[in-house]
């Protein structure tokens, strides 16, 4: 199974990518998101990043130093719609073991525009089914169970719908992971938090125009669909969005001010 979809954070070389989506690839196959989700823990514990899946195929191809093509590993995985997003670290250091990783990072950060690299998920297929596409009336293979262990970065992706590797958060990452340099760099006084350790809702602790705008839109949606009431806003800001109390109070207060101003004739 090999399917496709510059900021140093806390001293680490961090990349973000859309690893996969449920689009039909050039081989007429579709990797289901649930298959990747079910194998997420395995990928985080044992998976790696490499160039063109060489760590998986190099031995059969007769490449003597195939393990040197490993360039990093995943740190977090998120799902949004039918897309699978991965945040990971690219190795750094001196010597032959870091050579490929250094070259890869250089193509993303030392030239303009950066080189285009596309992610391709890799592992072993453990379950699939053949279905008939109702629109095209053609047969398609759906991959429904995998042991996900690899993302290979390639310049010739099998899945033409995935986006290129980024050194700043993209789509869902822009809301869940705030990389230093992408959003405003200031933290609310007194947090004393290392930004490289933030993830999920806790990343919203970083103050930014983007952060409050996303928060406001999501709170508005929850109010409109009846999921919460106005009196729940502060508690939801802390429990649902992971904000520190000071930030939650400030944003909840600002939201109520915005709401009041919006209602004025």
Protein backbone atom coordinates (compact mmCIF):
# COMPACT_ATOMS: atom_id res chain seq x y z
CA UNK A 1 0.00 0.00 0.00
CA UNK A 2 1.62 3.21 -1.15
CA UNK A 3 -0.85 6.03 -1.65
CA UNK A 4 -0.31 9.74 -1.79
CA UNK A 5 -2.26 12.67 -0.45
CA UNK A 6 10.15 26.69 7.28
CA UNK A 7 9.65 26.84 10.70
CA UNK A 8 11.76 25.18 13.40
CA UNK A 9 9.46 24.66 16.39
CA UNK A 10 11.22 24.28 19.75
CA UNK A 11 14.45 23.43 17.92
CA UNK A 12 12.76 20.71 15.87
CA UNK A 13 12.18 20.66 12.11
CA UNK A 14 8.40 20.41 11.90
CA UNK A 15 6.40 19.61 8.76
CA UNK A 16 2.67 19.34 8.10
CA UNK A 17 0.98 17.38 5.35
CA UNK A 18 -2.30 16.06 4.07
CA UNK A 19 -1.22 12.44 4.09
CA UNK A 20 -4.32 11.04 2.41
CA UNK A 21 -7.92 11.59 1.41
CA UNK A 22 -10.61 9.33 -0.01
CA UNK A 23 -10.17 10.47 -3.61
CA UNK A 24 -9.76 7.78 -6.25
CA UNK A 25 -6.09 7.47 -7.17
CA UNK A 26 -4.43 6.85 -10.53
CA UNK A 27 -4.60 3.09 -9.96
CA UNK A 28 -8.37 3.11 -9.40
CA UNK A 29 -8.02 2.53 -5.66
CA UNK A 30 -9.34 4.40 -2.64
CA UNK A 31 -7.81 4.33 0.85
CA UNK A 32 -10.60 4.74 3.39
CA UNK A 33 -9.94 7.15 6.22
CA UNK A 34 -11.21 4.66 8.81
CA UNK A 35 -8.48 2.24 7.78
CA UNK A 36 -5.86 4.85 8.62
CA UNK A 37 -7.64 5.92 11.80
CA UNK A 38 -7.75 2.34 13.07
CA UNK A 39 -3.98 2.06 12.53
CA UNK A 40 -3.10 5.51 13.84
CA UNK A 41 -1.56 4.32 17.12
CA UNK A 42 0.69 1.89 15.26
CA UNK A 43 1.82 4.65 12.90
CA UNK A 44 2.62 7.00 15.78
CA UNK A 45 4.50 4.32 17.71
CA UNK A 46 6.47 2.69 14.89
CA UNK A 47 5.98 4.66 11.69
CA UNK A 48 8.52 6.71 9.80
CA UNK A 49 8.97 9.28 7.02
CA UNK A 50 11.21 8.49 4.06
CA UNK A 51 11.86 9.31 0.42
CA UNK A 52 9.73 7.38 -2.10
CA UNK A 53 9.07 4.48 0.35
CA UNK A 54 12.70 3.36 -0.06
CA UNK A 55 12.86 2.03 3.53
CA UNK A 56 10.03 -0.34 2.55
CA UNK A 57 11.15 -1.32 -0.95
CA UNK A 58 14.91 -0.72 -0.96
CA UNK A 59 15.96 -4.22 0.03
CA UNK A 60 14.04 -5.79 -2.86
CA UNK A 61 15.38 -3.14 -5.23
CA UNK A 62 18.94 -3.94 -4.23
CA UNK A 63 19.65 -0.55 -2.62
CA UNK A 64 22.38 -1.30 -0.09
CA UNK A 65 21.89 1.79 2.09
CA UNK A 66 18.09 1.87 1.94
CA UNK A 67 17.68 2.60 5.65
CA UNK A 68 19.48 5.91 5.15
CA UNK A 69 16.42 7.15 3.24
CA UNK A 70 14.49 7.49 6.51
CA UNK A 71 14.21 11.22 7.21
CA UNK A 72 11.79 11.64 10.11
CA UNK A 73 8.77 10.38 12.00
CA UNK A 74 5.17 11.37 12.80
CA UNK A 75 4.24 13.15 16.02
CA UNK A 76 0.50 13.81 15.71
CA UNK A 77 -2.35 12.81 13.39
CA UNK A 78 -5.65 14.60 12.84
CA UNK A 79 -8.75 13.85 10.73
CA UNK A 80 -10.90 16.50 9.07
CA UNK A 81 -13.68 15.55 6.68
CA UNK A 82 -12.27 12.73 4.57
CA UNK A 83 -8.72 14.05 4.88
CA UNK A 84 -5.93 12.73 7.10
CA UNK A 85 -3.38 15.28 8.30
CA UNK A 86 -0.01 14.50 9.87
CA UNK A 87 2.41 16.64 11.83
CA UNK A 88 5.93 15.29 12.12
CA UNK A 89 9.58 16.00 12.72
CA UNK A 90 12.43 15.82 10.22
CA UNK A 91 15.69 14.52 11.64
CA UNK A 92 18.67 16.86 12.06
CA UNK A 93 22.33 16.29 12.74
CA UNK A 94 25.66 15.58 11.08
CA UNK A 95 27.01 12.53 9.32
CA UNK A 96 25.59 10.06 6.86
CA UNK A 97 22.54 9.18 8.97
CA UNK A 98 21.23 12.75 8.66
CA UNK A 99 22.26 13.34 5.06
CA UNK A 100 18.91 12.63 3.38
CA UNK A 101 16.96 14.47 6.09
CA UNK A 102 19.18 17.54 5.72
CA UNK A 103 18.79 17.48 1.94
CA UNK A 104 15.01 17.18 2.22
CA UNK A 105 14.75 20.05 4.71
CA UNK A 106 17.01 22.20 2.54
CA UNK A 107 14.68 21.80 -0.45
CA UNK A 108 11.84 23.17 1.67
CA UNK A 109 13.65 26.06 3.34
CA UNK A 110 16.76 27.12 1.40
CA UNK A 111 15.28 27.72 -2.05
CA UNK A 112 12.41 29.84 -3.34
CA UNK A 113 9.96 28.59 -4.24
CA UNK A 114 10.42 25.43 -2.17
CA UNK A 115 10.52 22.10 -3.96
CA UNK A 116 7.19 20.29 -4.24
CA UNK A 117 7.00 17.12 -2.19
CA UNK A 118 3.81 15.07 -2.00
CA UNK A 119 2.99 12.62 0.82
CA UNK A 120 2.12 9.01 0.08
CA UNK A 121 0.90 6.67 2.83
CA UNK A 122 2.56 3.28 3.01
CA UNK A 123 2.12 0.03 4.89
CA UNK A 124 0.50 -3.37 4.41
CA UNK A 125 -3.03 -3.89 3.11
CA UNK A 126 -4.98 -6.20 5.41
CA UNK A 127 -8.46 -5.78 3.98
CA UNK A 128 -10.16 -4.48 0.83
CA UNK A 129 -13.36 -4.68 -1.18
CA UNK A 130 -14.39 -4.10 -4.78
CA UNK A 131 -17.33 -1.75 -5.30
CA UNK A 132 -19.17 -0.42 -8.32
CA UNK A 133 -19.03 3.34 -8.73
CA UNK A 134 -22.62 4.46 -9.34
CA UNK A 135 -21.55 7.46 -11.40
CA UNK A 136 -18.96 5.92 -13.73
CA UNK A 137 -20.22 2.32 -13.47
CA UNK A 138 -16.60 1.22 -13.09
CA UNK A 139 -15.18 -1.14 -10.48
CA UNK A 140 -13.05 0.36 -7.73
CA UNK A 141 -10.98 -1.19 -4.98
CA UNK A 142 -11.50 0.22 -1.51
CA UNK A 143 -8.74 -0.40 1.02
CA UNK A 144 -10.57 -0.91 4.30
CA UNK A 145 -7.89 -2.22 6.68
CA UNK A 146 -4.17 -1.48 6.82
CA UNK A 147 -1.14 -1.58 9.02
CA UNK A 148 -0.02 2.00 8.43
CA UNK A 149 3.72 2.36 9.02
CA UNK A 150 5.12 4.89 6.59
CA UNK A 151 4.74 8.16 4.71
CA UNK A 152 6.97 8.44 1.67
CA UNK A 153 7.62 11.87 0.19
CA UNK A 154 7.61 11.84 -3.58
CA UNK A 155 7.50 14.23 -6.49
CA UNK A 156 5.24 11.87 -8.42
CA UNK A 157 2.21 11.10 -6.19
CA UNK A 158 -0.24 8.30 -6.92
CA UNK A 159 -3.08 10.36 -5.42
CA UNK A 160 -3.17 13.56 -7.46
CA UNK A 161 -5.55 15.27 -5.02
CA UNK A 162 -3.21 15.68 -2.04
CA UNK A 163 -1.39 18.94 -1.31
CA UNK A 164 2.34 19.48 -0.99
CA UNK A 165 4.30 19.20 2.26
CA UNK A 166 4.28 22.44 4.26
CA UNK A 167 6.52 23.89 6.94
CA UNK A 168 3.57 25.82 8.37
CA UNK A 169 0.14 24.52 9.47
CA UNK A 170 -2.45 23.91 6.74
CA UNK A 171 -6.26 23.62 6.98
CA UNK A 172 -7.13 21.79 10.20
CA UNK A 173 -3.59 22.31 11.48
CA UNK A 174 -4.04 26.05 11.30
CA UNK A 175 -6.76 25.62 13.93
CA UNK A 176 -5.18 22.86 15.98
CA UNK A 177 -1.45 23.46 15.83
CA UNK A 178 -0.11 27.00 16.11
CA UNK A 179 3.47 27.01 14.87
CA UNK A 180 5.69 29.86 15.99
CA UNK A 181 5.88 32.30 13.10
CA UNK A 182 2.54 31.34 11.53
CA UNK A 183 0.31 33.06 14.06
CA UNK A 184 1.08 36.01 16.31
CA UNK A 185 4.08 35.14 18.46
CA UNK A 186 2.76 36.55 21.74
CA UNK A 187 1.36 34.48 24.57
CA UNK A 188 -0.89 35.84 27.25
CA UNK A 189 1.31 36.98 30.16
CA UNK A 190 1.91 34.36 32.79
CA UNK A 191 1.39 31.23 30.67
CA UNK A 192 5.05 30.24 30.71
CA UNK A 193 4.30 27.65 28.06
CA UNK A 194 6.71 26.13 25.54
CA UNK A 195 4.86 26.42 22.23
CA UNK A 196 6.55 23.32 20.83
CA UNK A 197 4.64 21.30 23.44
CA UNK A 198 1.18 22.65 22.58
CA UNK A 199 -1.30 20.50 20.67
CA UNK A 200 -5.01 20.20 20.09
CA UNK A 201 -7.21 22.69 21.91
CA UNK A 202 -4.27 23.80 24.04
CA UNK A 203 -2.68 25.35 20.95
CA UNK A 204 -5.47 27.91 21.01
CA UNK A 205 -3.76 29.44 24.05
CA UNK A 206 -1.60 31.35 21.60
CA UNK A 207 -3.19 34.73 20.98
CA UNK A 208 -3.83 35.50 17.32
CA UNK A 209 -6.38 37.13 15.10
CA UNK A 210 -6.92 33.79 13.44
CA UNK A 211 -7.42 32.00 16.75
CA UNK A 212 -10.12 34.31 18.08
CA UNK A 213 -11.88 34.39 14.72
CA UNK A 214 -12.07 30.58 14.63
CA UNK A 215 -13.19 30.49 18.27
CA UNK A 216 -15.92 33.08 17.62
CA UNK A 217 -17.23 31.20 14.59
CA UNK A 218 -17.36 27.87 16.43
CA UNK A 219 -19.05 29.33 19.51
CA UNK A 220 -21.60 31.03 17.23
CA UNK A 221 -22.33 27.73 15.50
CA UNK A 222 -22.83 25.96 18.84
CA UNK A 223 -25.25 28.66 19.99
CA UNK A 224 -27.20 28.61 16.74
CA UNK A 225 -27.68 24.83 16.72
CA UNK A 226 -28.67 24.81 20.39
CA UNK A 227 -25.71 22.75 21.60
CA UNK A 228 -24.91 25.33 24.28
CA UNK A 229 -26.53 28.38 25.87
CA UNK A 230 -24.97 31.78 26.54
CA UNK A 231 -24.35 30.87 30.19
CA UNK A 232 -22.25 27.88 29.02
CA UNK A 233 -19.78 29.92 26.96
CA UNK A 234 -17.05 30.33 29.59
CA UNK A 235 -17.10 26.69 30.65
CA UNK A 236 -17.12 25.50 27.02
CA UNK A 237 -14.20 27.80 26.25
CA UNK A 238 -12.15 25.94 28.83
CA UNK A 239 -13.38 22.36 28.38
CA UNK A 240 -14.09 22.21 24.64
CA UNK A 241 -11.37 24.52 23.31
CA UNK A 242 -8.70 23.91 25.94
CA UNK A 243 -8.18 27.58 26.79
CA UNK A 244 -6.53 28.69 30.01
CA UNK A 245 -8.94 30.48 32.34
CA UNK A 246 -7.52 33.95 31.67
CA UNK A 247 -7.70 33.48 27.90
CA UNK A 248 -11.18 31.92 28.16
CA UNK A 249 -12.50 34.88 30.16
CA UNK A 250 -10.98 37.39 27.72
CA UNK A 251 -12.33 35.66 24.61
CA UNK A 252 -15.75 34.92 26.12
CA UNK A 253 -16.05 38.58 27.14
CA UNK A 254 -15.00 39.75 23.67
CA UNK A 255 -17.51 37.36 22.09
CA UNK A 256 -20.36 38.76 24.20
CA UNK A 257 -19.32 42.30 23.25
CA UNK A 258 -19.29 41.32 19.57
CA UNK A 259 -22.68 39.66 19.98
CA UNK A 260 -24.15 42.71 21.67
CA UNK A 261 -22.79 45.05 18.98
CA UNK A 262 -24.12 42.79 16.26
CA UNK A 263 -27.63 42.99 17.70
CA UNK A 264 -27.68 46.79 17.74
CA UNK A 265 -29.93 48.28 15.03
